[in-house]
Structure formats: structure tokens, C-alpha cells
Amino acid sequence: MRARLSSVRRTRGRTGHSQGGFTLLEVLLAVAILAIVITCVYSTWSAALTSWRRGTEASDVFQRQRIVMETLKELTQSIEFFASTPGLYAIVGAQNPGLGDSISFVTASDAFLPPSESTDAGIRRVIISLERDQYGRSYLAIVNRPALGPEDQSDEQPQAHVISMDVSGFYVRYRDARDGTWNDKWEDTNSPPAAIEYTVVFGQPGDQTKPVVVTRAVDIPVAMTLAAGPIPGLPGMVSGNSTGEVHNPQVPQQPNPGGLPTMQ
């Protein structure tokens, strides 16, 4: 009797153990389901991370573009001009084949003035143009010179400072205060234009993203003051430091190869 009970207990133990375990097929199925879940989670996380990176890069690019255009705006709105000595304060524009345009004027702004050239703080002549680095890549540069001294007073070439390395085109137009027309050149050294329009092409050939053309027209406060007449008690002297700005509604006539997207 005892032997039979012992045999039954052993049989029940073996049967219970067999019913509580997993077969090989069940284990493989569970592993497959787990792998599918992990793949779905990773794909979702990877897509979200890629979107976040692209959004961050786009935001950074827009921020750099905004800084460049705001710098040009600040320098232009701080243009100084004295009608009694127009030669020293003339606004000079040039067209450089293969590098777009360049512009030179006297400004009271300290934007992009490095500490090593702090002696020019307050008033200086700036030259803004496209330059090329040692690898042939173009960039927007600014050169600072003394405002009231001769440009060739030193044998050393002034250092060009980088405004942006992500610029492949730079074009300038000038609005005549007399008739409101826009011109590619400004040859009147006796008076400043009413406004200056900058067209900057952001991006380099071969980049994954298409270049973006940004255009901004900036009124010159000193030209408005000059048009209104001399300051009482100071004949022939005007100085503009206001912050007015207008945006030219016209589409820029500068070359736009390949139908590049524009932003105003």
C-alpha cells in the first residue's frame, strides 16, 4: 500500500512539472514577439531623434542667418555722413566678378569690431564683401579701417573678419532719394542713398540643402535727416542714429540661378 502511494505521488509530481514548463516553440514565439516590440520601439525612437536633430539644425541655421542680416541692418542704420566733408564719408559700392558685390561706408556701430581693433570704436569705415579661404570656399567678411585716415596709411593689409562662413552670394542695391529708383551702383559721393538693399545667398554649392536667398532693405536715417535739411546751428552737418527700417516689397533683380528659395 505504501509503495502504491509513493508511486502515485511521484507520478503526480512529474505530471505537474510537465504542465508548468514551456515548450521550445513557446520560447521561440516569445523571443520573436519581444524582438518585434524592441524593433518598433527603436524605430519610433530613431525617427523622433532624427526629426529633433533636423529641427535643431534648421533652427540653428535660421538663427545664424538672422544674426547676419541684423548685423548688416545695425551697421547700415548707424551710417555717418557729414555734408561738409562728403569725401571722407562717401558710400562706395563695387561689383567684383565671381564674388558678387562689396560696399564700404563709415558707421558708428561697433558690431563685429574685435577687441584688437578697439581704437576704431565709435566711428570707423567698414568694407563688407565676399572673400575666399585657402580651400576656395567663399565667406562673408568685414574689414575695419580708420574712418578719417587714409586707407593706405600702413603697408599691412587690414585683417578680414568672418561674418558668416555659410554665404555664397552677396549683392547690394541702392535707392535714390530723388526718384525712389533702385540702382546696382551708387556713384554720388556727395550724398548717401535713401536705403540700401542686401541680398545674401546662404549655403554653399554641393551642400545637401538648397541655398536660401534672403533680401532686406534698410533705410538710412542720416539720409532722411539730410533730405529734411541741415540741423539748426550746425550747417551741413547731419548724423543719423535712429532705428527706422523698411522692407523693399519689390522682388530683387539680382541673379537667382536655379530658382533658389527666397525669404524676405
Protein backbone atom coordinates (compact mmCIF):
# COMPACT_ATOMS: atom_id res chain seq x y z
CA MET A 1 0.00 0.00 0.00
CA ARG A 2 2.73 2.40 0.89
CA ALA A 3 4.56 1.56 -2.30
CA ARG A 4 1.47 2.39 -4.36
CA LEU A 5 1.02 5.78 -2.64
CA SER A 6 4.67 6.62 -3.19
CA SER A 7 4.36 5.69 -6.86
CA VAL A 8 1.24 7.84 -7.28
CA ARG A 9 2.96 10.84 -5.63
CA ARG A 10 5.97 10.52 -7.91
CA THR A 11 3.68 10.28 -10.94
CA ARG A 12 1.72 13.38 -9.88
CA GLY A 13 4.97 15.31 -9.32
CA ARG A 14 6.24 14.50 -12.77
CA THR A 15 2.90 15.37 -14.34
CA GLY A 16 2.72 18.75 -12.55
CA HIS A 17 6.25 19.65 -13.57
CA SER A 18 5.50 18.91 -17.22
CA GLN A 19 2.36 21.06 -17.21
CA GLY A 20 4.13 24.09 -15.58
CA GLY A 21 7.05 24.40 -18.09
CA PHE A 22 7.41 25.98 -21.62
CA THR A 23 7.96 24.16 -24.82
CA LEU A 24 10.67 25.17 -27.27
CA LEU A 25 8.05 26.55 -29.66
CA GLU A 26 6.61 28.80 -26.96
CA VAL A 27 10.05 30.14 -26.07
CA LEU A 28 10.84 30.90 -29.72
CA LEU A 29 7.48 32.63 -30.16
CA ALA A 30 8.07 34.80 -27.09
CA VAL A 31 11.53 35.76 -28.30
CA ALA A 32 10.13 36.68 -31.72
CA ILE A 33 7.41 38.87 -30.18
CA LEU A 34 9.97 40.57 -27.94
CA ALA A 35 12.21 41.24 -30.93
CA ILE A 36 9.32 42.81 -32.86
CA VAL A 37 8.44 45.06 -29.91
CA ILE A 38 12.05 46.18 -29.48
CA THR A 39 12.33 46.91 -33.22
CA CYS A 40 9.17 49.02 -33.19
CA VAL A 41 10.32 50.97 -30.13
CA TYR A 42 13.76 51.59 -31.64
CA SER A 43 12.29 52.70 -34.99
CA THR A 44 10.00 55.16 -33.24
CA TRP A 45 12.82 56.50 -31.07
CA SER A 46 15.18 56.79 -34.06
CA ALA A 47 12.58 58.68 -36.14
CA ALA A 48 11.89 61.07 -33.25
CA LEU A 49 15.60 61.66 -32.71
CA THR A 50 16.16 62.34 -36.43
CA SER A 51 13.27 64.83 -36.51
CA TRP A 52 14.62 66.56 -33.42
CA ARG A 53 18.09 66.84 -34.95
CA ARG A 54 16.73 68.23 -38.20
CA GLY A 55 14.60 70.73 -36.33
CA THR A 56 17.57 71.82 -34.22
CA GLU A 57 19.80 72.19 -37.28
CA ALA A 58 17.14 74.21 -39.10
CA SER A 59 16.72 76.44 -36.05
CA ASP A 60 20.48 76.96 -35.80
CA VAL A 61 20.74 77.83 -39.50
CA PHE A 62 17.88 80.32 -39.24
CA GLN A 63 19.46 81.88 -36.17
CA ARG A 64 22.79 82.33 -37.96
CA GLN A 65 21.03 83.89 -40.94
CA ARG A 66 19.13 86.25 -38.67
CA ILE A 67 22.35 87.36 -36.94
CA VAL A 68 23.97 88.16 -40.31
CA MET A 69 21.01 90.22 -41.51
CA GLU A 70 20.66 92.00 -38.16
CA THR A 71 24.37 92.86 -38.27
CA LEU A 72 24.03 94.38 -41.74
CA LYS A 73 20.98 96.29 -40.54
CA GLU A 74 22.76 97.69 -37.47
CA LEU A 75 25.84 98.74 -39.44
CA THR A 76 23.69 100.43 -42.11
CA GLN A 77 21.40 102.28 -39.73
CA SER A 78 24.47 103.70 -37.97
CA ILE A 79 25.99 105.19 -41.15
CA GLU A 80 27.58 108.58 -40.54
CA PHE A 81 27.67 111.32 -43.17
CA PHE A 82 28.75 114.96 -42.96
CA ALA A 83 27.79 117.07 -45.96
CA SER A 84 30.66 119.49 -45.26
CA THR A 85 33.25 116.76 -45.94
CA PRO A 86 31.47 114.21 -48.14
CA GLY A 87 34.70 112.70 -49.45
CA LEU A 88 35.58 111.20 -46.08
CA TYR A 89 32.11 109.72 -45.59
CA ALA A 90 31.31 108.57 -49.13
CA ILE A 91 29.44 105.31 -49.58
CA VAL A 92 31.34 103.25 -52.11
CA GLY A 93 30.00 100.16 -53.84
CA ALA A 94 31.80 97.84 -56.22
CA GLN A 95 30.94 94.77 -58.28
CA ASN A 96 33.54 92.02 -58.09
CA PRO A 97 33.35 89.39 -60.85
CA GLY A 98 32.90 85.95 -59.35
CA LEU A 99 32.41 87.29 -55.82
CA GLY A 100 29.28 89.44 -56.07
CA ASP A 101 29.28 92.98 -54.69
CA SER A 102 31.11 94.86 -51.96
CA ILE A 103 30.21 98.01 -50.05
CA SER A 104 32.17 100.46 -47.93
CA PHE A 105 30.85 103.16 -45.60
CA VAL A 106 31.53 104.93 -42.30
CA THR A 107 29.50 103.67 -39.36
CA ALA A 108 29.19 104.41 -35.65
CA SER A 109 28.22 100.82 -34.84
CA ASP A 110 30.67 98.55 -33.01
CA ALA A 111 29.18 95.37 -34.46
CA PHE A 112 31.89 92.82 -35.38
CA LEU A 113 34.62 95.06 -34.00
CA PRO A 114 37.20 92.82 -32.29
CA PRO A 115 38.96 93.99 -29.10
CA SER A 116 42.28 94.13 -31.01
CA GLU A 117 40.83 96.97 -33.12
CA SER A 118 39.11 98.83 -30.29
CA THR A 119 40.90 102.05 -31.27
CA ASP A 120 38.38 102.35 -34.13
CA ALA A 121 35.42 102.17 -31.74
CA GLY A 122 32.93 105.00 -32.09
CA ILE A 123 33.43 105.63 -35.79
CA ARG A 124 35.13 103.51 -38.44
CA ARG A 125 35.00 102.67 -42.11
CA VAL A 126 33.88 99.14 -42.87
CA ILE A 127 34.21 97.16 -46.08
CA ILE A 128 31.79 94.24 -46.47
CA SER A 129 32.39 91.73 -49.23
CA LEU A 130 32.77 88.07 -50.14
CA GLU A 131 36.20 86.54 -49.71
CA ARG A 132 37.61 83.05 -50.27
CA ASP A 133 39.53 80.93 -47.82
CA GLN A 134 42.50 78.69 -48.62
CA TYR A 135 40.15 75.93 -49.79
CA GLY A 136 38.29 78.17 -52.22
CA ARG A 137 35.17 78.34 -50.06
CA SER A 138 33.50 81.75 -50.04
CA TYR A 139 32.51 83.60 -46.87
CA LEU A 140 31.09 87.00 -45.95
CA ALA A 141 33.81 89.20 -44.45
CA ILE A 142 34.18 92.63 -42.89
CA VAL A 143 37.29 94.80 -42.86
CA ASN A 144 37.71 97.73 -40.44
CA ARG A 145 39.70 100.85 -41.29
CA PRO A 146 40.17 104.20 -39.54
CA ALA A 147 37.32 106.47 -40.59
CA LEU A 148 39.25 109.70 -41.05
CA GLY A 149 42.68 108.43 -42.07
CA PRO A 150 43.98 107.48 -45.49
CA GLU A 151 43.35 103.86 -46.43
CA ASP A 152 46.97 103.31 -47.46
CA GLN A 153 48.48 104.68 -44.27
CA SER A 154 50.01 101.29 -43.48
CA ASP A 155 51.81 98.73 -45.59
CA GLU A 156 49.99 95.96 -43.75
CA GLN A 157 46.74 94.74 -45.21
CA PRO A 158 43.86 95.03 -42.73
CA GLN A 159 42.56 91.73 -41.43
CA ALA A 160 39.29 90.45 -42.80
CA HIS A 161 36.96 89.14 -40.08
CA VAL A 162 34.38 86.47 -40.79
CA ILE A 163 30.72 87.44 -40.54
CA SER A 164 29.50 84.08 -41.85
CA MET A 165 31.15 81.07 -43.49
CA ASP A 166 27.80 79.95 -44.90
CA VAL A 167 27.45 82.59 -47.63
CA SER A 168 27.99 82.05 -51.35
CA GLY A 169 26.44 85.24 -52.75
CA PHE A 170 26.29 88.90 -51.72
CA TYR A 171 24.55 91.64 -53.75
CA VAL A 172 23.81 95.28 -52.94
CA ARG A 173 21.38 97.82 -54.40
CA TYR A 174 20.85 101.49 -53.57
CA ARG A 175 17.65 103.54 -53.52
CA ASP A 176 17.89 107.05 -54.90
CA ALA A 177 16.14 109.55 -52.63
CA ARG A 178 15.31 111.79 -55.57
CA ASP A 179 13.15 109.42 -57.59
CA GLY A 180 12.91 106.27 -55.44
CA THR A 181 14.55 104.01 -58.02
CA TRP A 182 16.85 101.13 -57.11
CA ASN A 183 20.32 101.05 -58.67
CA ASP A 184 23.04 98.42 -58.73
CA LYS A 185 25.69 101.13 -58.29
CA TRP A 186 25.99 104.26 -56.19
CA GLU A 187 28.30 106.87 -57.71
CA ASP A 188 27.08 110.00 -55.91
CA THR A 189 29.76 110.66 -53.31
CA ASN A 190 28.11 113.93 -52.22
CA SER A 191 25.07 112.30 -50.66
CA PRO A 192 24.05 108.92 -49.26
CA PRO A 193 21.30 106.77 -50.76
CA ALA A 194 17.93 106.71 -49.06
CA ALA A 195 18.21 102.98 -48.41
CA ILE A 196 20.47 100.01 -49.06
CA GLU A 197 19.15 96.60 -50.05
CA TYR A 198 21.18 93.49 -49.22
CA THR A 199 20.66 90.14 -50.91
CA VAL A 200 22.57 87.31 -49.22
CA VAL A 201 22.71 83.77 -50.57
CA PHE A 202 23.13 81.36 -47.66
CA GLY A 203 24.55 77.93 -48.44
CA GLN A 204 27.42 76.54 -50.44
CA PRO A 205 27.45 74.60 -53.73
CA GLY A 206 27.37 70.89 -53.01
CA ASP A 207 25.53 71.20 -49.70
CA GLN A 208 22.69 68.76 -49.04
CA THR A 209 20.21 71.58 -48.52
CA LYS A 210 19.39 74.12 -51.21
CA PRO A 211 20.79 77.65 -50.81
CA VAL A 212 18.38 80.23 -49.37
CA VAL A 213 18.24 83.81 -50.67
CA VAL A 214 17.45 86.44 -48.02
CA THR A 215 16.76 90.05 -49.02
CA ARG A 216 16.41 93.02 -46.69
CA ALA A 217 16.17 96.72 -47.46
CA VAL A 218 17.26 99.12 -44.72
CA ASP A 219 16.52 102.84 -44.61
CA ILE A 220 19.46 105.13 -43.82
CA PRO A 221 18.36 107.59 -41.11
CA VAL A 222 21.14 110.05 -41.92
CA ALA A 223 19.82 110.32 -45.50
CA MET A 224 16.37 111.22 -44.17
CA THR A 225 17.89 113.87 -41.94
CA LEU A 226 19.91 115.27 -44.83
CA ALA A 227 16.84 115.37 -47.06
CA ALA A 228 14.94 117.25 -44.33
CA GLY A 229 17.64 119.91 -44.19
CA PRO A 230 20.68 120.77 -42.05
CA ILE A 231 20.50 120.76 -38.29
CA PRO A 232 19.84 124.29 -36.97
CA GLY A 233 23.05 125.89 -35.80
CA LEU A 234 25.19 123.22 -37.49
CA PRO A 235 25.02 123.90 -41.23
CA GLY A 236 25.97 120.99 -43.42
CA MET A 237 26.18 118.52 -40.54
CA VAL A 238 23.95 115.54 -40.11
CA SER A 239 24.25 112.40 -38.09
CA GLY A 240 21.82 109.51 -38.04
CA ASN A 241 21.37 107.06 -35.19
CA SER A 242 17.67 106.24 -35.38
CA THR A 243 16.39 102.73 -35.78
CA GLY A 244 13.84 103.04 -38.59
CA GLU A 245 13.69 100.32 -41.21
CA VAL A 246 11.61 99.48 -44.25
CA HIS A 247 11.49 96.33 -46.31
CA ASN A 248 11.53 96.71 -50.06
CA PRO A 249 8.43 94.96 -51.42
CA GLN A 250 9.98 94.53 -54.85
CA VAL A 251 11.48 91.24 -55.89
CA PRO A 252 15.27 91.62 -56.05
CA GLN A 253 16.63 91.80 -59.59
CA GLN A 254 19.83 90.04 -58.64
CA PRO A 255 20.61 86.74 -60.36
CA ASN A 256 18.86 83.77 -58.78
CA PRO A 257 20.19 80.68 -60.57
CA GLY A 258 18.19 77.50 -60.31
CA GLY A 259 15.14 79.15 -58.78
CA LEU A 260 16.60 79.31 -55.28
CA PRO A 261 14.05 79.75 -52.48
CA THR A 262 13.88 83.29 -51.13
CA MET A 263 13.00 84.70 -47.75
CA GLN A 264 12.36 88.33 -47.00
